[in-house]
């Protein structure tokens, strides 16, 4: 989940430059379910469902949370 103040907040998906082995599948914003597209902006509090290999999970979490 992107955190307030995270460098990923306010960034559009196509500019995230995720590694090829990480894919955003869906986002949940409040009560809405969004299919992330290139122009989708990540906002603080969005829940993200993503797929990656288990050894890349910590890296994905760091990208999304800044932690």
PDB file of N, CA and C in Angstrom:
ATOM      1  N   UNK A   1       0.841  -1.164   0.000  1.00  0.00           N
ATOM      2  CA  UNK A   1       0.000   0.000   0.000  1.00  0.00           C
ATOM      3  C   UNK A   1       0.893   1.235   0.000  1.00  0.00           C
ATOM      4  N   UNK A   2       0.731   2.133  -0.960  1.00  0.00           N
ATOM      5  CA  UNK A   2       1.519   3.362  -0.949  1.00  0.00           C
ATOM      6  C   UNK A   2       1.225   4.169   0.311  1.00  0.00           C
ATOM      7  N   UNK A   3       2.255   4.627   0.960  1.00  0.00           N
ATOM      8  CA  UNK A   3       2.126   5.396   2.191  1.00  0.00           C
ATOM      9  C   UNK A   3       2.239   6.885   1.896  1.00  0.00           C
ATOM     10  N   UNK A   4       1.582   7.711   2.712  1.00  0.00           N
ATOM     11  CA  UNK A   4       1.706   9.169   2.601  1.00  0.00           C
ATOM     12  C   UNK A   4       3.183   9.539   2.652  1.00  0.00           C
ATOM     13  N   UNK A   5       3.612  10.331   1.722  1.00  0.00           N
ATOM     14  CA  UNK A   5       5.005  10.750   1.673  1.00  0.00           C
ATOM     15  C   UNK A   5       5.912   9.806   0.897  1.00  0.00           C
ATOM     16  N   UNK A   6       5.387   8.644   0.496  1.00  0.00           N
ATOM     17  CA  UNK A   6       6.174   7.709  -0.303  1.00  0.00           C
ATOM     18  C   UNK A   6       6.430   8.321  -1.669  1.00  0.00           C
ATOM     19  N   UNK A   7       7.606   8.071  -2.215  1.00  0.00           N
ATOM     20  CA  UNK A   7       7.954   8.643  -3.521  1.00  0.00           C
ATOM     21  C   UNK A   7       7.072   8.102  -4.639  1.00  0.00           C
ATOM     22  N   UNK A   8       6.358   7.020  -4.403  1.00  0.00           N
ATOM     23  CA  UNK A   8       5.510   6.409  -5.430  1.00  0.00           C
ATOM     24  C   UNK A   8       4.135   7.096  -5.487  1.00  0.00           C
ATOM     25  N   UNK A   9       3.731   7.788  -4.418  1.00  0.00           N
ATOM     26  CA  UNK A   9       2.438   8.470  -4.398  1.00  0.00           C
ATOM     27  C   UNK A   9       2.435   9.600  -5.417  1.00  0.00           C
ATOM     28  N   UNK A  10       1.366   9.664  -6.181  1.00  0.00           N
ATOM     29  CA  UNK A  10       1.226  10.687  -7.199  1.00  0.00           C
ATOM     30  C   UNK A  10       1.895  10.331  -8.516  1.00  0.00           C
ATOM     31  N   UNK A  11       2.505   9.163  -8.582  1.00  0.00           N
ATOM     32  CA  UNK A  11       3.194   8.719  -9.797  1.00  0.00           C
ATOM     33  C   UNK A  11       2.233   7.890 -10.640  1.00  0.00           C
ATOM     34  N   UNK A  12       2.246   8.105 -11.952  1.00  0.00           N
ATOM     35  CA  UNK A  12       1.414   7.271 -12.815  1.00  0.00           C
ATOM     36  C   UNK A  12       2.115   5.940 -13.045  1.00  0.00           C
ATOM     37  N   UNK A  13       1.326   4.914 -13.219  1.00  0.00           N
ATOM     38  CA  UNK A  13       1.833   3.546 -13.316  1.00  0.00           C
ATOM     39  C   UNK A  13       2.937   3.407 -14.365  1.00  0.00           C
ATOM     40  N   UNK A  14       2.779   4.017 -15.525  1.00  0.00           N
ATOM     41  CA  UNK A  14       3.787   3.826 -16.573  1.00  0.00           C
ATOM     42  C   UNK A  14       5.131   4.441 -16.204  1.00  0.00           C
ATOM     43  N   UNK A  15       5.146   5.359 -15.246  1.00  0.00           N
ATOM     44  CA  UNK A  15       6.399   5.961 -14.808  1.00  0.00           C
ATOM     45  C   UNK A  15       7.003   5.268 -13.587  1.00  0.00           C
ATOM     46  N   UNK A  16       6.353   4.221 -13.093  1.00  0.00           N
ATOM     47  CA  UNK A  16       6.870   3.505 -11.933  1.00  0.00           C
ATOM     48  C   UNK A  16       8.119   2.698 -12.274  1.00  0.00           C
ATOM     49  N   UNK A  17       8.226   2.283 -13.501  1.00  0.00           N
ATOM     50  CA  UNK A  17       9.376   1.499 -13.963  1.00  0.00           C
ATOM     51  C   UNK A  17       9.624   0.266 -13.093  1.00  0.00           C
ATOM     52  N   UNK A  18       8.554  -0.481 -12.914  1.00  0.00           N
ATOM     53  CA  UNK A  18       8.687  -1.735 -12.181  1.00  0.00           C
ATOM     54  C   UNK A  18       9.549  -2.704 -12.977  1.00  0.00           C
ATOM     55  N   UNK A  19      10.331  -3.526 -12.297  1.00  0.00           N
ATOM     56  CA  UNK A  19      11.067  -4.570 -13.009  1.00  0.00           C
ATOM     57  C   UNK A  19      10.102  -5.475 -13.766  1.00  0.00           C
ATOM     58  N   UNK A  20      10.571  -6.107 -14.810  1.00  0.00           N
ATOM     59  CA  UNK A  20       9.713  -6.929 -15.674  1.00  0.00           C
ATOM     60  C   UNK A  20       9.041  -8.074 -14.930  1.00  0.00           C
ATOM     61  N   UNK A  21       9.609  -8.510 -13.812  1.00  0.00           N
ATOM     62  CA  UNK A  21       9.022  -9.632 -13.084  1.00  0.00           C
ATOM     63  C   UNK A  21       8.059  -9.184 -11.983  1.00  0.00           C
ATOM     64  N   UNK A  22       7.599  -7.921 -12.046  1.00  0.00           N
ATOM     65  CA  UNK A  22       6.599  -7.400 -11.108  1.00  0.00           C
ATOM     66  C   UNK A  22       5.446  -6.814 -11.899  1.00  0.00           C
ATOM     67  N   UNK A  23       4.215  -7.249 -11.575  1.00  0.00           N
ATOM     68  CA  UNK A  23       3.038  -6.798 -12.307  1.00  0.00           C
ATOM     69  C   UNK A  23       1.963  -6.346 -11.322  1.00  0.00           C
ATOM     70  N   UNK A  24       1.453  -5.130 -11.523  1.00  0.00           N
ATOM     71  CA  UNK A  24       0.302  -4.675 -10.744  1.00  0.00           C
ATOM     72  C   UNK A  24      -0.946  -5.275 -11.370  1.00  0.00           C
ATOM     73  N   UNK A  25      -1.733  -5.973 -10.582  1.00  0.00           N
ATOM     74  CA  UNK A  25      -2.916  -6.656 -11.096  1.00  0.00           C
ATOM     75  C   UNK A  25      -4.165  -5.814 -10.904  1.00  0.00           C
ATOM     76  N   UNK A  26      -4.353  -5.287  -9.713  1.00  0.00           N
ATOM     77  CA  UNK A  26      -5.524  -4.459  -9.426  1.00  0.00           C
ATOM     78  C   UNK A  26      -5.208  -3.532  -8.262  1.00  0.00           C
ATOM     79  N   UNK A  27      -6.004  -2.500  -8.140  1.00  0.00           N
ATOM     80  CA  UNK A  27      -5.871  -1.560  -7.029  1.00  0.00           C
ATOM     81  C   UNK A  27      -7.246  -1.380  -6.404  1.00  0.00           C
ATOM     82  N   UNK A  28      -7.250  -1.186  -5.094  1.00  0.00           N
ATOM     83  CA  UNK A  28      -8.497  -0.925  -4.383  1.00  0.00           C
ATOM     84  C   UNK A  28      -8.355   0.447  -3.746  1.00  0.00           C
ATOM     85  N   UNK A  29      -9.268   1.330  -4.094  1.00  0.00           N
ATOM     86  CA  UNK A  29      -9.274   2.706  -3.581  1.00  0.00           C
ATOM     87  C   UNK A  29     -10.637   2.935  -2.961  1.00  0.00           C
ATOM     88  N   UNK A  30     -10.663   2.949  -1.644  1.00  0.00           N
ATOM     89  CA  UNK A  30     -11.955   3.067  -0.957  1.00  0.00           C
ATOM     90  C   UNK A  30     -12.789   1.837  -1.281  1.00  0.00           C
ATOM     91  N   UNK A  31     -13.934   2.063  -1.889  1.00  0.00           N
ATOM     92  CA  UNK A  31     -14.803   0.956  -2.268  1.00  0.00           C
ATOM     93  C   UNK A  31     -14.701   0.619  -3.746  1.00  0.00           C
ATOM     94  N   UNK A  32     -13.792   1.289  -4.453  1.00  0.00           N
ATOM     95  CA  UNK A  32     -13.635   1.074  -5.890  1.00  0.00           C
ATOM     96  C   UNK A  32     -12.486   0.115  -6.176  1.00  0.00           C
ATOM     97  N   UNK A  33     -12.685  -0.754  -7.146  1.00  0.00           N
ATOM     98  CA  UNK A  33     -11.636  -1.628  -7.649  1.00  0.00           C
ATOM     99  C   UNK A  33     -11.210  -1.094  -9.004  1.00  0.00           C
ATOM    100  N   UNK A  34      -9.925  -0.840  -9.154  1.00  0.00           N
ATOM    101  CA  UNK A  34      -9.399  -0.247 -10.380  1.00  0.00           C
ATOM    102  C   UNK A  34      -8.442  -1.208 -11.064  1.00  0.00           C
ATOM    103  N   UNK A  35      -8.524  -1.258 -12.377  1.00  0.00           N
ATOM    104  CA  UNK A  35      -7.516  -1.970 -13.150  1.00  0.00           C
ATOM    105  C   UNK A  35      -6.434  -0.950 -13.475  1.00  0.00           C
ATOM    106  N   UNK A  36      -5.218  -1.152 -12.954  1.00  0.00           N
ATOM    107  CA  UNK A  36      -4.182  -0.160 -13.203  1.00  0.00           C
ATOM    108  C   UNK A  36      -3.800  -0.108 -14.677  1.00  0.00           C
ATOM    109  N   UNK A  37      -3.806   1.072 -15.216  1.00  0.00           N
ATOM    110  CA  UNK A  37      -3.403   1.318 -16.601  1.00  0.00           C
ATOM    111  C   UNK A  37      -2.229   2.282 -16.552  1.00  0.00           C
ATOM    112  N   UNK A  38      -1.650   2.553 -17.671  1.00  0.00           N
ATOM    113  CA  UNK A  38      -0.479   3.420 -17.719  1.00  0.00           C
ATOM    114  C   UNK A  38      -0.697   4.782 -17.112  1.00  0.00           C
ATOM    115  N   UNK A  39      -1.932   5.318 -17.225  1.00  0.00           N
ATOM    116  CA  UNK A  39      -2.194   6.663 -16.723  1.00  0.00           C
ATOM    117  C   UNK A  39      -2.833   6.686 -15.332  1.00  0.00           C
ATOM    118  N   UNK A  40      -2.935   5.520 -14.683  1.00  0.00           N
ATOM    119  CA  UNK A  40      -3.487   5.446 -13.330  1.00  0.00           C
ATOM    120  C   UNK A  40      -2.478   6.035 -12.348  1.00  0.00           C
ATOM    121  N   UNK A  41      -2.949   6.902 -11.458  1.00  0.00           N
ATOM    122  CA  UNK A  41      -2.098   7.525 -10.448  1.00  0.00           C
ATOM    123  C   UNK A  41      -2.268   6.789  -9.130  1.00  0.00           C
ATOM    124  N   UNK A  42      -1.158   6.414  -8.503  1.00  0.00           N
ATOM    125  CA  UNK A  42      -1.217   5.793  -7.182  1.00  0.00           C
ATOM    126  C   UNK A  42      -1.396   6.867  -6.133  1.00  0.00           C
ATOM    127  N   UNK A  43      -2.321   6.617  -5.201  1.00  0.00           N
ATOM    128  CA  UNK A  43      -2.623   7.576  -4.142  1.00  0.00           C
ATOM    129  C   UNK A  43      -2.363   6.929  -2.788  1.00  0.00           C
ATOM    130  N   UNK A  44      -2.044   7.737  -1.772  1.00  0.00           N
ATOM    131  CA  UNK A  44      -1.863   7.181  -0.433  1.00  0.00           C
ATOM    132  C   UNK A  44      -3.104   6.398  -0.015  1.00  0.00           C
ATOM    133  N   UNK A  45      -2.901   5.242   0.570  1.00  0.00           N
ATOM    134  CA  UNK A  45      -4.011   4.424   1.037  1.00  0.00           C
ATOM    135  C   UNK A  45      -4.544   3.438   0.024  1.00  0.00           C
ATOM    136  N   UNK A  46      -4.119   3.532  -1.248  1.00  0.00           N
ATOM    137  CA  UNK A  46      -4.531   2.532  -2.231  1.00  0.00           C
ATOM    138  C   UNK A  46      -3.997   1.173  -1.803  1.00  0.00           C
ATOM    139  N   UNK A  47      -4.814   0.149  -1.932  1.00  0.00           N
ATOM    140  CA  UNK A  47      -4.340  -1.226  -1.755  1.00  0.00           C
ATOM    141  C   UNK A  47      -3.992  -1.751  -3.132  1.00  0.00           C
ATOM    142  N   UNK A  48      -2.875  -2.430  -3.219  1.00  0.00           N
ATOM    143  CA  UNK A  48      -2.385  -2.917  -4.496  1.00  0.00           C
ATOM    144  C   UNK A  48      -2.242  -4.428  -4.441  1.00  0.00           C
ATOM    145  N   UNK A  49      -2.781  -5.087  -5.452  1.00  0.00           N
ATOM    146  CA  UNK A  49      -2.562  -6.522  -5.613  1.00  0.00           C
ATOM    147  C   UNK A  49      -1.587  -6.664  -6.770  1.00  0.00           C
ATOM    148  N   UNK A  50      -0.474  -7.328  -6.491  1.00  0.00           N
ATOM    149  CA  UNK A  50       0.587  -7.453  -7.482  1.00  0.00           C
ATOM    150  C   UNK A  50       1.105  -8.887  -7.497  1.00  0.00           C
ATOM    151  N   UNK A  51       1.759  -9.223  -8.583  1.00  0.00           N
ATOM    152  CA  UNK A  51       2.368 -10.551  -8.722  1.00  0.00           C
ATOM    153  C   UNK A  51       3.859 -10.357  -8.954  1.00  0.00           C
ATOM    154  N   UNK A  52       4.640 -11.121  -8.218  1.00  0.00           N
ATOM    155  CA  UNK A  52       6.081 -11.180  -8.411  1.00  0.00           C
ATOM    156  C   UNK A  52       6.569 -12.500  -7.826  1.00  0.00           C
ATOM    157  N   UNK A  53       7.817 -12.805  -8.051  1.00  0.00           N
ATOM    158  CA  UNK A  53       8.378 -14.015  -7.463  1.00  0.00           C
ATOM    159  C   UNK A  53       8.639 -13.760  -5.981  1.00  0.00           C
ATOM    160  N   UNK A  54       8.653 -14.805  -5.199  1.00  0.00           N
ATOM    161  CA  UNK A  54       8.798 -14.684  -3.752  1.00  0.00           C
ATOM    162  C   UNK A  54      10.099 -13.979  -3.380  1.00  0.00           C
ATOM    163  N   UNK A  55      11.143 -14.181  -4.157  1.00  0.00           N
ATOM    164  CA  UNK A  55      12.418 -13.549  -3.823  1.00  0.00           C
ATOM    165  C   UNK A  55      12.431 -12.054  -4.160  1.00  0.00           C
ATOM    166  N   UNK A  56      11.459 -11.571  -4.882  1.00  0.00           N
ATOM    167  CA  UNK A  56      11.349 -10.152  -5.229  1.00  0.00           C
ATOM    168  C   UNK A  56      10.290  -9.425  -4.399  1.00  0.00           C
ATOM    169  N   UNK A  57       9.604 -10.165  -3.522  1.00  0.00           N
ATOM    170  CA  UNK A  57       8.503  -9.596  -2.745  1.00  0.00           C
ATOM    171  C   UNK A  57       8.952  -8.407  -1.893  1.00  0.00           C
ATOM    172  N   UNK A  58      10.068  -8.518  -1.214  1.00  0.00           N
ATOM    173  CA  UNK A  58      10.550  -7.425  -0.365  1.00  0.00           C
ATOM    174  C   UNK A  58      10.854  -6.182  -1.201  1.00  0.00           C
ATOM    175  N   UNK A  59      11.408  -6.369  -2.390  1.00  0.00           N
ATOM    176  CA  UNK A  59      11.701  -5.244  -3.273  1.00  0.00           C
ATOM    177  C   UNK A  59      10.437  -4.546  -3.726  1.00  0.00           C
ATOM    178  N   UNK A  60       9.400  -5.323  -4.036  1.00  0.00           N
ATOM    179  CA  UNK A  60       8.124  -4.739  -4.448  1.00  0.00           C
ATOM    180  C   UNK A  60       7.510  -3.955  -3.296  1.00  0.00           C
ATOM    181  N   UNK A  61       7.558  -4.524  -2.104  1.00  0.00           N
ATOM    182  CA  UNK A  61       7.021  -3.833  -0.932  1.00  0.00           C
ATOM    183  C   UNK A  61       7.759  -2.515  -0.719  1.00  0.00           C
ATOM    184  N   UNK A  62       9.067  -2.512  -0.902  1.00  0.00           N
ATOM    185  CA  UNK A  62       9.850  -1.282  -0.733  1.00  0.00           C
ATOM    186  C   UNK A  62       9.459  -0.238  -1.770  1.00  0.00           C
ATOM    187  N   UNK A  63       9.244  -0.678  -3.008  1.00  0.00           N
ATOM    188  CA  UNK A  63       8.826   0.252  -4.060  1.00  0.00           C
ATOM    189  C   UNK A  63       7.487   0.899  -3.708  1.00  0.00           C
ATOM    190  N   UNK A  64       6.549   0.108  -3.205  1.00  0.00           N
ATOM    191  CA  UNK A  64       5.198   0.596  -2.939  1.00  0.00           C
ATOM    192  C   UNK A  64       5.078   1.400  -1.654  1.00  0.00           C
ATOM    193  N   UNK A  65       5.873   1.043  -0.648  1.00  0.00           N
ATOM    194  CA  UNK A  65       5.725   1.704   0.655  1.00  0.00           C
ATOM    195  C   UNK A  65       6.850   2.660   0.996  1.00  0.00           C
ATOM    196  N   UNK A  66       7.966   2.531   0.294  1.00  0.00           N
ATOM    197  CA  UNK A  66       9.125   3.340   0.627  1.00  0.00           C
ATOM    198  C   UNK A  66       9.866   2.829   1.839  1.00  0.00           C
ATOM    199  N   UNK A  67       9.451   1.669   2.359  1.00  0.00           N
ATOM    200  CA  UNK A  67      10.091   1.079   3.561  1.00  0.00           C
ATOM    201  C   UNK A  67      10.794  -0.209   3.209  1.00  0.00           C
TER     202      UNK A  67
END
